[in-house]
N, C-alpha and C. Protein backbone atom coordinates (compact mmCIF):
# COMPACT_ATOMS: atom_id res chain seq x y z
N UNK A 1 -8.66 38.09 -0.59
CA UNK A 1 -8.88 36.78 -0.22
C UNK A 1 -8.66 36.88 1.32
N UNK A 2 -9.21 36.30 2.23
CA UNK A 2 -8.95 36.01 3.58
C UNK A 2 -8.35 34.78 3.77
N UNK A 3 -7.92 34.61 5.10
CA UNK A 3 -7.09 33.19 5.07
C UNK A 3 -7.69 31.96 5.00
N UNK A 4 -9.04 32.04 5.55
CA UNK A 4 -9.97 31.06 5.44
C UNK A 4 -10.27 30.41 4.03
N UNK A 5 -10.43 31.47 3.13
CA UNK A 5 -10.95 31.41 1.86
C UNK A 5 -9.56 30.56 1.06
N UNK A 6 -8.50 31.04 1.42
CA UNK A 6 -7.30 30.69 0.94
C UNK A 6 -7.00 29.21 1.22
N UNK A 7 -6.91 29.03 2.93
CA UNK A 7 -6.75 27.62 3.32
C UNK A 7 -7.69 26.62 2.55
N UNK A 8 -8.77 26.94 2.40
CA UNK A 8 -9.93 26.02 1.85
C UNK A 8 -9.50 25.62 0.35
N UNK A 9 -9.13 26.92 -0.27
CA UNK A 9 -8.68 26.27 -1.69
C UNK A 9 -7.52 25.47 -1.79
N UNK A 10 -6.59 25.86 -0.96
CA UNK A 10 -5.13 25.20 -0.80
C UNK A 10 -5.45 23.67 -0.31
N UNK A 11 -6.36 23.55 0.67
CA UNK A 11 -6.73 22.27 0.82
C UNK A 11 -7.31 21.33 -0.12
N UNK A 12 -8.10 21.99 -0.67
CA UNK A 12 -9.03 21.07 -1.91
C UNK A 12 -7.82 20.84 -2.93
N UNK A 13 -7.05 21.57 -3.23
CA UNK A 13 -5.92 21.46 -4.15
C UNK A 13 -5.03 20.36 -3.81
N UNK A 14 -4.69 20.10 -2.50
CA UNK A 14 -3.55 19.45 -1.99
C UNK A 14 -3.92 18.23 -1.15
N UNK A 15 -5.04 18.03 -0.92
CA UNK A 15 -5.71 16.85 0.22
C UNK A 15 -5.37 15.51 -0.58
N UNK A 16 -5.63 15.17 -1.94
CA UNK A 16 -5.28 14.04 -2.31
C UNK A 16 -3.96 13.66 -2.36
N UNK A 17 -3.07 14.85 -2.79
CA UNK A 17 -1.49 14.46 -2.83
C UNK A 17 -0.92 14.24 -1.44
N UNK A 18 -1.49 15.04 -0.39
CA UNK A 18 -1.19 14.72 0.92
C UNK A 18 -1.36 13.39 1.24
N UNK A 19 -2.78 12.92 1.00
CA UNK A 19 -3.08 11.44 1.28
C UNK A 19 -2.41 10.38 0.62
N UNK A 20 -2.02 10.61 -0.71
CA UNK A 20 -1.14 9.66 -1.07
C UNK A 20 0.39 9.58 -0.61
N UNK A 21 0.79 10.86 -0.23
CA UNK A 21 2.03 10.90 0.40
C UNK A 21 2.08 9.96 1.75
N UNK A 22 1.11 10.16 2.57
CA UNK A 22 0.84 9.50 3.74
C UNK A 22 0.58 7.74 3.66
N UNK A 23 -0.17 7.55 2.58
CA UNK A 23 -0.41 6.12 2.26
C UNK A 23 0.89 5.60 1.76
N UNK A 24 1.57 6.26 1.26
CA UNK A 24 3.15 5.85 0.76
C UNK A 24 3.95 5.48 1.62
N UNK A 25 3.95 6.16 2.99
CA UNK A 25 4.61 5.59 4.10
C UNK A 25 4.11 5.09 5.02
N UNK A 26 2.69 5.06 5.38
CA UNK A 26 2.12 4.53 6.54
C UNK A 26 1.72 3.40 6.05
N UNK A 27 1.21 3.19 4.98
CA UNK A 27 0.35 1.75 4.48
C UNK A 27 -0.52 1.33 5.50
N UNK A 28 -1.05 2.33 6.12
CA UNK A 28 -2.38 2.01 6.88
C UNK A 28 -3.41 2.87 6.57
N UNK A 29 -4.45 2.79 6.08
CA UNK A 29 -5.66 3.40 5.64
C UNK A 29 -5.97 4.22 6.90
N UNK A 30 -6.46 3.63 7.93
CA UNK A 30 -7.01 4.48 9.13
C UNK A 30 -5.72 5.34 9.63
N UNK A 31 -4.82 4.82 9.90
CA UNK A 31 -3.77 5.82 10.45
C UNK A 31 -3.33 7.07 9.53
N UNK A 32 -3.58 6.66 8.17
CA UNK A 32 -3.06 7.57 7.14
C UNK A 32 -4.27 8.84 7.23
N UNK A 33 -5.47 8.54 7.39
CA UNK A 33 -6.61 9.45 7.46
C UNK A 33 -6.33 10.24 8.82
N UNK A 34 -6.32 9.46 9.89
CA UNK A 34 -5.94 10.27 11.14
C UNK A 34 -5.01 11.27 10.89
N UNK A 35 -3.68 10.74 10.42
CA UNK A 35 -2.60 11.74 10.17
C UNK A 35 -2.94 12.87 9.28
N UNK A 36 -3.85 12.45 8.27
CA UNK A 36 -4.27 13.57 7.22
C UNK A 36 -5.00 14.88 7.87
N UNK A 37 -6.01 14.23 8.76
CA UNK A 37 -6.70 15.24 9.58
C UNK A 37 -6.08 16.03 10.16
N UNK A 38 -5.16 15.53 10.92
CA UNK A 38 -4.08 16.24 11.96
C UNK A 38 -3.32 17.03 11.05
N UNK A 39 -2.92 16.73 10.03
CA UNK A 39 -1.96 17.63 9.16
C UNK A 39 -2.62 19.09 8.75
N UNK A 40 -3.91 18.79 8.33
CA UNK A 40 -4.50 20.01 7.88
C UNK A 40 -4.88 20.78 9.12
N UNK A 41 -5.07 20.18 10.19
CA UNK A 41 -5.19 20.85 11.44
C UNK A 41 -4.07 21.68 11.95
N UNK A 42 -2.94 21.12 11.95
CA UNK A 42 -1.77 21.75 12.35
C UNK A 42 -1.54 22.82 11.28
N UNK A 43 -1.96 22.67 9.71
CA UNK A 43 -1.60 23.63 8.86
C UNK A 43 -2.48 24.80 9.25
N UNK A 44 -3.69 24.76 9.46
CA UNK A 44 -4.49 25.48 9.87
C UNK A 44 -4.11 26.75 10.94
N UNK A 45 -3.62 25.93 11.91
CA UNK A 45 -3.04 26.69 13.27
C UNK A 45 -1.97 27.57 12.90
N UNK A 46 -1.13 27.04 12.20
CA UNK A 46 0.21 27.72 11.72
C UNK A 46 0.08 28.26 10.51
N UNK A 47 -1.15 28.55 9.98
CA UNK A 47 -0.89 29.31 8.60
C UNK A 47 -0.29 30.40 8.45
N UNK A 48 -0.28 31.14 9.43
CA UNK A 48 0.39 32.45 9.29
C UNK A 48 1.86 32.43 9.27
N UNK A 49 2.44 31.11 9.48
CA UNK A 49 3.95 30.77 9.13
C UNK A 49 4.23 30.51 7.60
N UNK A 50 3.12 30.16 6.91
CA UNK A 50 3.27 29.70 5.63
C UNK A 50 3.67 31.23 4.56
N UNK A 51 4.86 30.91 3.88
CA UNK A 51 5.23 31.79 3.03
C UNK A 51 4.51 31.67 1.74
N UNK A 52 3.40 32.83 1.29
CA UNK A 52 2.71 32.55 0.29
C UNK A 52 3.63 32.69 -1.19
N UNK A 53 4.92 32.94 -1.13
CA UNK A 53 5.68 32.95 -2.29
C UNK A 53 6.09 31.65 -2.60
N UNK A 54 6.04 30.63 -1.77
CA UNK A 54 6.50 29.37 -1.93
C UNK A 54 5.47 28.28 -2.18
N UNK A 55 5.58 27.26 -2.75
CA UNK A 55 4.29 26.24 -3.15
C UNK A 55 4.10 25.83 -1.94
N UNK A 56 2.63 25.52 -1.69
CA UNK A 56 1.90 24.96 -0.45
C UNK A 56 2.09 23.53 -0.37
N UNK A 57 2.27 22.97 -1.45
CA UNK A 57 2.44 21.19 -1.33
C UNK A 57 3.44 20.84 -0.39
N UNK A 58 4.73 21.26 -0.84
CA UNK A 58 5.96 20.91 0.02
C UNK A 58 5.71 21.38 1.57
N UNK A 59 5.10 22.46 2.00
CA UNK A 59 5.03 23.04 3.21
C UNK A 59 4.30 21.89 4.08
N UNK A 60 2.92 21.67 3.42
CA UNK A 60 1.88 20.78 4.12
C UNK A 60 2.54 19.31 3.99
N UNK A 61 3.33 18.84 3.00
CA UNK A 61 3.95 17.52 3.15
C UNK A 61 4.95 17.42 4.31
N UNK A 62 5.53 18.53 4.53
CA UNK A 62 6.63 18.74 5.65
C UNK A 62 5.76 18.58 6.85
N UNK A 63 4.70 19.06 7.05
CA UNK A 63 3.94 18.95 8.36
C UNK A 63 3.63 17.30 8.47
N UNK A 64 3.00 17.17 7.31
CA UNK A 64 2.90 15.45 7.25
C UNK A 64 3.79 14.55 7.74
N UNK A 65 5.01 14.95 7.34
CA UNK A 65 6.20 14.05 7.55
C UNK A 65 6.40 14.03 8.95
N UNK A 66 6.45 15.25 9.61
CA UNK A 66 6.94 15.36 11.05
C UNK A 66 5.81 14.59 11.79
N UNK A 67 4.62 14.73 11.51
CA UNK A 67 3.42 13.94 12.00
C UNK A 67 3.46 12.44 12.03
N UNK A 68 4.07 11.80 10.68
CA UNK A 68 4.30 10.50 10.56
C UNK A 68 5.55 10.03 11.36
N UNK A 69 6.47 10.80 11.52
CA UNK A 69 7.48 10.51 12.61
C UNK A 69 7.12 10.38 13.92
N UNK A 70 6.11 11.35 14.62
CA UNK A 70 5.64 11.29 15.81
C UNK A 70 4.84 10.13 15.75
N UNK A 71 3.87 9.85 14.87
CA UNK A 71 2.96 8.80 15.22
C UNK A 71 3.83 7.44 15.15
N UNK A 72 4.94 6.95 14.45
CA UNK A 72 5.70 6.07 14.52
C UNK A 72 6.42 5.80 15.89
N UNK A 73 6.81 6.90 16.43
CA UNK A 73 7.56 7.00 17.76
C UNK A 73 6.60 6.61 18.84
N UNK A 74 5.28 6.96 18.78
CA UNK A 74 4.04 6.62 19.62
C UNK A 74 3.89 5.08 19.58
N UNK A 75 4.09 4.53 18.31
CA UNK A 75 3.51 3.22 18.26
C UNK A 75 4.73 2.18 18.20
N UNK A 76 5.86 2.78 18.06
CA UNK A 76 7.23 1.97 18.28
C UNK A 76 7.28 1.26 17.03
N UNK A 77 8.39 0.79 16.45
CA UNK A 77 8.84 0.13 15.50
C UNK A 77 8.28 -0.93 14.85
N UNK A 78 7.96 -1.86 15.91
CA UNK A 78 7.42 -3.29 16.03
C UNK A 78 6.04 -3.36 15.27
N UNK A 79 5.32 -2.10 15.46
CA UNK A 79 3.79 -2.01 15.05
C UNK A 79 3.66 -1.44 13.60
N UNK A 80 4.89 -0.90 12.98
CA UNK A 80 4.54 -0.32 11.79
C UNK A 80 5.86 -0.33 11.06
N UNK A 81 5.47 -0.22 9.48
CA UNK A 81 6.64 -0.51 8.57
C UNK A 81 7.45 0.81 8.84
N UNK A 82 8.69 0.69 9.30
CA UNK A 82 9.51 1.87 9.51
C UNK A 82 10.12 2.41 8.44
N UNK A 83 10.12 3.97 8.41
CA UNK A 83 11.00 4.53 7.38
C UNK A 83 11.27 5.89 8.22
N UNK A 84 12.58 6.40 7.85
CA UNK A 84 13.15 7.42 8.47
C UNK A 84 13.03 8.67 7.57
N UNK A 85 13.53 9.78 8.12
CA UNK A 85 13.35 11.02 7.36
C UNK A 85 14.08 10.99 6.13
N UNK A 86 15.12 10.21 5.81
CA UNK A 86 15.73 10.40 4.57
C UNK A 86 14.70 9.74 3.43
N UNK A 87 13.97 8.51 3.85
CA UNK A 87 13.02 8.03 3.07
C UNK A 87 11.74 8.97 2.66
N UNK A 88 11.24 9.41 3.76
CA UNK A 88 10.32 10.69 3.75
C UNK A 88 10.81 11.59 2.70
N UNK A 89 11.85 12.06 2.68
CA UNK A 89 12.64 13.04 1.78
C UNK A 89 12.58 12.70 0.40
N UNK A 90 12.98 11.24 0.21
CA UNK A 90 12.85 10.92 -1.17
C UNK A 90 11.28 10.63 -1.52
N UNK A 91 10.53 10.25 -0.75
CA UNK A 91 9.20 10.43 -1.10
C UNK A 91 8.69 11.54 -1.60
N UNK A 92 9.03 12.66 -0.75
CA UNK A 92 8.56 14.03 -1.17
C UNK A 92 9.20 14.31 -2.33
N UNK A 93 10.38 14.00 -2.63
CA UNK A 93 10.81 14.28 -4.11
C UNK A 93 10.16 13.79 -5.03
N UNK A 94 9.66 12.54 -5.04
CA UNK A 94 8.72 12.10 -6.14
C UNK A 94 7.54 12.80 -6.16
N UNK A 95 7.08 13.23 -5.06
CA UNK A 95 5.83 14.08 -5.11
C UNK A 95 6.02 15.32 -5.75
N UNK A 96 7.36 15.98 -5.48
CA UNK A 96 7.52 17.36 -6.24
C UNK A 96 7.79 16.92 -7.74
N UNK A 97 8.27 15.81 -8.20
CA UNK A 97 8.28 15.50 -9.85
C UNK A 97 6.89 15.20 -10.12
N UNK A 98 6.13 14.54 -9.50
CA UNK A 98 4.65 14.47 -9.82
C UNK A 98 3.88 15.71 -9.91
N UNK A 99 4.11 16.52 -9.14
CA UNK A 99 3.33 17.94 -9.23
C UNK A 99 3.98 18.61 -10.67
N UNK A 100 5.09 18.26 -11.42
CA UNK A 100 5.34 18.73 -12.58
C UNK A 100 4.81 18.34 -13.55
N UNK A 101 3.98 17.20 -13.56
CA UNK A 101 3.33 16.58 -14.40
C UNK A 101 2.28 17.37 -15.08
N UNK A 102 2.02 17.17 -16.49
CA UNK A 102 0.75 17.98 -16.90
C UNK A 102 -0.57 17.70 -16.43
N UNK A 103 -1.25 18.71 -16.12
CA UNK A 103 -2.68 18.62 -15.52
C UNK A 103 -2.81 19.67 -14.36
N UNK A 104 -4.00 20.00 -14.40
CA UNK A 104 -4.24 21.13 -13.23
C UNK A 104 -4.74 20.44 -11.64
N UNK A 105 -5.22 18.97 -11.97
CA UNK A 105 -5.55 18.61 -10.73
C UNK A 105 -4.72 17.31 -10.31
N UNK A 106 -4.81 16.88 -9.21
CA UNK A 106 -4.31 15.91 -8.86
C UNK A 106 -4.55 14.37 -9.52
N UNK A 107 -6.02 14.48 -9.59
CA UNK A 107 -6.55 13.14 -10.75
C UNK A 107 -5.96 13.49 -12.22
N UNK A 108 -6.11 14.52 -12.77
CA UNK A 108 -5.48 14.95 -14.10
C UNK A 108 -3.94 14.46 -14.23
N UNK A 109 -3.14 14.61 -13.06
CA UNK A 109 -1.82 13.95 -13.08
C UNK A 109 -1.74 12.74 -12.92
N UNK A 110 -2.85 12.00 -12.38
CA UNK A 110 -2.84 10.42 -12.14
C UNK A 110 -2.92 9.96 -13.54
N UNK A 111 -3.51 10.49 -14.27
CA UNK A 111 -3.69 10.05 -15.79
C UNK A 111 -2.39 9.52 -16.43
N UNK A 112 -1.35 10.33 -16.18
CA UNK A 112 0.15 9.94 -16.65
C UNK A 112 0.58 8.77 -15.89
N UNK A 113 0.18 8.28 -14.68
CA UNK A 113 0.41 6.87 -14.04
C UNK A 113 -0.31 5.99 -14.50
N UNK A 114 -1.52 6.22 -14.68
CA UNK A 114 -2.57 5.26 -15.52
C UNK A 114 -2.21 4.83 -16.86
N UNK A 115 -1.56 5.95 -17.56
CA UNK A 115 -0.82 5.34 -19.00
C UNK A 115 0.05 4.47 -18.81
N UNK A 116 0.89 4.88 -17.82
CA UNK A 116 2.42 3.89 -17.67
C UNK A 116 1.96 2.89 -17.21
N UNK A 117 0.82 2.58 -16.28
CA UNK A 117 0.63 1.28 -15.67
C UNK A 117 0.05 0.46 -16.94
N UNK A 118 -0.58 1.02 -17.80
CA UNK A 118 -1.07 0.19 -18.85
C UNK A 118 -0.03 -0.42 -19.87
N UNK A 119 1.16 0.06 -19.63
CA UNK A 119 2.53 -0.54 -20.27
C UNK A 119 3.13 -1.65 -19.90
N UNK A 120 2.80 -1.95 -18.43
CA UNK A 120 3.28 -3.10 -17.66
C UNK A 120 2.58 -4.63 -18.14
N UNK A 121 3.17 -5.33 -17.94
CA UNK A 121 2.92 -6.76 -18.26
C UNK A 121 1.62 -7.04 -17.05
N UNK A 122 0.83 -7.82 -17.39
CA UNK A 122 -0.18 -8.34 -16.46
C UNK A 122 0.05 -8.57 -15.07
N UNK A 123 1.13 -9.36 -14.92
CA UNK A 123 1.66 -9.83 -13.82
C UNK A 123 2.32 -8.82 -12.88
N UNK A 124 2.82 -7.68 -13.54
CA UNK A 124 3.55 -6.62 -12.98
C UNK A 124 2.37 -5.74 -12.49
N UNK A 125 1.57 -5.37 -13.41
CA UNK A 125 0.36 -4.30 -12.95
C UNK A 125 -0.36 -4.94 -11.68
N UNK A 126 -0.78 -6.24 -11.87
CA UNK A 126 -1.47 -6.69 -10.70
C UNK A 126 -0.57 -6.71 -9.34
N UNK A 127 0.57 -7.12 -9.71
CA UNK A 127 1.46 -7.09 -8.18
C UNK A 127 1.59 -5.62 -7.69
N UNK A 128 1.77 -4.76 -8.57
CA UNK A 128 1.88 -3.21 -8.06
C UNK A 128 0.46 -2.74 -7.75
N UNK A 129 -0.66 -3.36 -8.30
CA UNK A 129 -2.13 -2.80 -7.71
C UNK A 129 -2.25 -3.53 -6.49
N UNK A 130 -1.92 -4.77 -6.27
CA UNK A 130 -2.40 -5.45 -4.93
C UNK A 130 -1.29 -4.94 -3.89
N UNK A 131 -0.24 -4.69 -4.28
CA UNK A 131 0.74 -3.94 -3.25
C UNK A 131 0.31 -2.63 -2.76
N UNK A 132 0.35 -1.80 -3.95
CA UNK A 132 -0.15 -0.26 -3.56
C UNK A 132 -1.43 0.12 -3.24
N UNK A 133 -2.25 -0.57 -3.82
CA UNK A 133 -3.64 -0.14 -3.77
C UNK A 133 -4.38 -0.83 -2.45
N UNK A 134 -4.02 -1.87 -2.54
CA UNK A 134 -4.71 -2.96 -1.48
C UNK A 134 -3.72 -3.15 -0.16
N UNK A 135 -2.47 -2.75 -0.29
CA UNK A 135 -1.70 -2.74 0.72
C UNK A 135 -1.20 -4.45 1.14
N UNK A 136 -1.42 -5.13 0.12
CA UNK A 136 -1.05 -6.57 0.56
C UNK A 136 0.60 -6.61 0.23
N UNK A 137 1.14 -7.83 1.47
CA UNK A 137 2.65 -7.74 1.07
C UNK A 137 2.79 -9.10 0.33
N UNK A 138 4.26 -9.23 -0.01
CA UNK A 138 4.60 -10.07 -1.14
C UNK A 138 3.67 -11.60 -0.97
N UNK A 139 3.93 -12.08 0.10
CA UNK A 139 3.52 -13.56 0.24
C UNK A 139 1.95 -13.41 0.05
N UNK A 140 1.32 -12.33 0.44
CA UNK A 140 -0.15 -12.51 0.14
C UNK A 140 -0.53 -12.52 -1.46
N UNK A 141 0.38 -11.47 -2.10
CA UNK A 141 0.34 -11.33 -3.44
C UNK A 141 0.43 -12.66 -4.19
N UNK A 142 1.57 -13.54 -3.61
CA UNK A 142 1.95 -14.67 -4.15
C UNK A 142 0.87 -15.50 -4.18
N UNK A 143 0.23 -15.73 -2.78
CA UNK A 143 -0.81 -16.57 -2.65
C UNK A 143 -1.96 -16.32 -3.64
N UNK A 144 -2.34 -15.07 -3.52
CA UNK A 144 -3.51 -14.42 -4.53
C UNK A 144 -3.34 -14.72 -5.92
N UNK A 145 -1.97 -14.63 -6.56
CA UNK A 145 -1.87 -14.79 -8.01
C UNK A 145 -1.37 -16.40 -8.33
N UNK A 146 -0.96 -17.15 -7.18
CA UNK A 146 -0.55 -18.37 -7.57
C UNK A 146 0.96 -18.40 -8.10
N UNK A 147 1.57 -17.46 -7.58
CA UNK A 147 2.96 -17.52 -8.03
C UNK A 147 3.85 -17.45 -6.87
N UNK A 148 5.23 -17.57 -7.23
CA UNK A 148 6.17 -17.69 -5.90
C UNK A 148 6.44 -16.39 -5.35
N UNK A 149 6.91 -16.22 -4.14
CA UNK A 149 7.42 -14.98 -3.41
C UNK A 149 8.38 -14.31 -4.27
N UNK A 150 9.31 -14.93 -4.87
CA UNK A 150 10.30 -14.31 -5.48
C UNK A 150 10.02 -13.68 -6.76
N UNK A 151 9.03 -14.39 -7.28
CA UNK A 151 8.38 -14.05 -8.62
C UNK A 151 7.57 -12.64 -8.38
N UNK A 152 7.02 -12.60 -7.25
CA UNK A 152 6.42 -11.25 -6.94
C UNK A 152 7.35 -10.15 -6.82
N UNK A 153 8.18 -10.34 -5.88
CA UNK A 153 9.45 -9.53 -5.65
C UNK A 153 9.96 -8.87 -7.10
N UNK A 154 10.23 -9.74 -8.01
CA UNK A 154 10.73 -9.29 -9.29
C UNK A 154 9.73 -8.56 -10.09
N UNK A 155 8.46 -8.87 -10.02
CA UNK A 155 7.29 -8.17 -10.86
C UNK A 155 7.38 -6.82 -9.89
N UNK A 156 7.32 -6.56 -8.81
CA UNK A 156 7.33 -5.29 -8.25
C UNK A 156 8.59 -4.56 -8.51
N UNK A 157 9.42 -5.02 -8.41
CA UNK A 157 10.88 -4.48 -8.89
C UNK A 157 11.18 -3.73 -10.09
N UNK A 158 10.69 -4.73 -11.24
CA UNK A 158 10.75 -4.50 -12.70
C UNK A 158 9.48 -3.37 -12.87
N UNK A 159 8.58 -3.70 -12.29
CA UNK A 159 7.18 -2.86 -12.46
C UNK A 159 7.63 -1.24 -12.01
N UNK A 160 8.13 -1.22 -10.95
CA UNK A 160 8.55 0.04 -10.51
C UNK A 160 9.59 0.67 -11.31
N UNK A 161 10.58 -0.03 -11.72
CA UNK A 161 11.64 0.81 -12.77
C UNK A 161 10.99 1.03 -13.85
N UNK A 162 10.00 0.24 -14.41
CA UNK A 162 9.38 0.82 -15.85
C UNK A 162 8.41 2.01 -15.39
N UNK A 163 7.78 2.18 -14.41
CA UNK A 163 6.81 2.90 -14.06
C UNK A 163 7.85 4.46 -13.87
N UNK A 164 8.85 4.38 -13.30
CA UNK A 164 9.87 5.18 -13.12
C UNK A 164 10.15 5.90 -14.49
N UNK A 165 10.89 5.10 -15.37
CA UNK A 165 11.09 5.59 -16.55
C UNK A 165 10.03 6.04 -17.34
N UNK A 166 8.92 5.54 -17.37
CA UNK A 166 7.74 6.02 -18.14
C UNK A 166 7.22 7.31 -17.58
N UNK A 167 7.31 7.63 -16.47
CA UNK A 167 6.83 8.98 -15.74
C UNK A 167 7.89 9.80 -15.94
N UNK A 168 9.23 9.47 -15.92
CA UNK A 168 10.21 10.62 -16.26
C UNK A 168 10.31 11.04 -17.69
N UNK A 169 9.74 10.14 -18.49
CA UNK A 169 9.61 10.71 -19.95
C UNK A 169 8.54 11.67 -20.39
N UNK A 170 7.39 11.48 -19.27
CA UNK A 170 6.12 12.30 -19.24
C UNK A 170 6.56 13.73 -18.70
N UNK A 171 7.56 13.60 -17.81
CA UNK A 171 7.86 15.22 -17.09
C UNK A 171 8.43 16.03 -18.08
N UNK A 172 7.88 17.41 -17.83
CA UNK A 172 8.34 18.35 -18.74
C UNK A 172 9.96 18.54 -18.55
N UNK A 173 10.63 18.73 -19.75
CA UNK A 173 12.10 18.91 -19.67
C UNK A 173 12.43 20.31 -19.31
N UNK A 174 13.25 20.22 -18.24
CA UNK A 174 13.86 21.54 -17.65
C UNK A 174 14.91 22.28 -18.61
N UNK A 175 14.75 23.58 -18.92
CA UNK A 175 15.64 24.24 -19.79
C UNK A 175 16.82 24.44 -18.87
N UNK A 176 17.96 23.91 -19.43
CA UNK A 176 19.19 24.39 -18.78
C UNK A 176 19.88 25.57 -19.11
């Protein structure tokens, strides 16, 4: 298999997870798509540096993380939600855990998240959906749901904790 075929397969397998990684830290769809395109362009240019013995996902997310930091430096702190390398590392750790879920494709792995979302209360699920799928801030969610700002913060906090526990139970247990 030549490099072009390999890259095409790896791109198809990982583009959705890299997009999710970018959206989880940039929270701007247009910027995330721009950085996504740039990530895979850079990956193609330096594909000869990729060690085929290692997983492609963490390698390409590492490229994306560096591009996120560059993007933020260009725009300045005032225009974007800021997070540093430590936060990006934690996000990447979550994606490593996510990759361990059952399923061959990103969408199949999302089934575990969908199952866990169904366990949340209505207000928790709506708050999570509005915040992470639609990019709304707590005040906007509060206005839309007709509840207080602090209630939204609690719904998000508790919803994330329940999702984390639920997904933790769905991860294959490591043999010690």
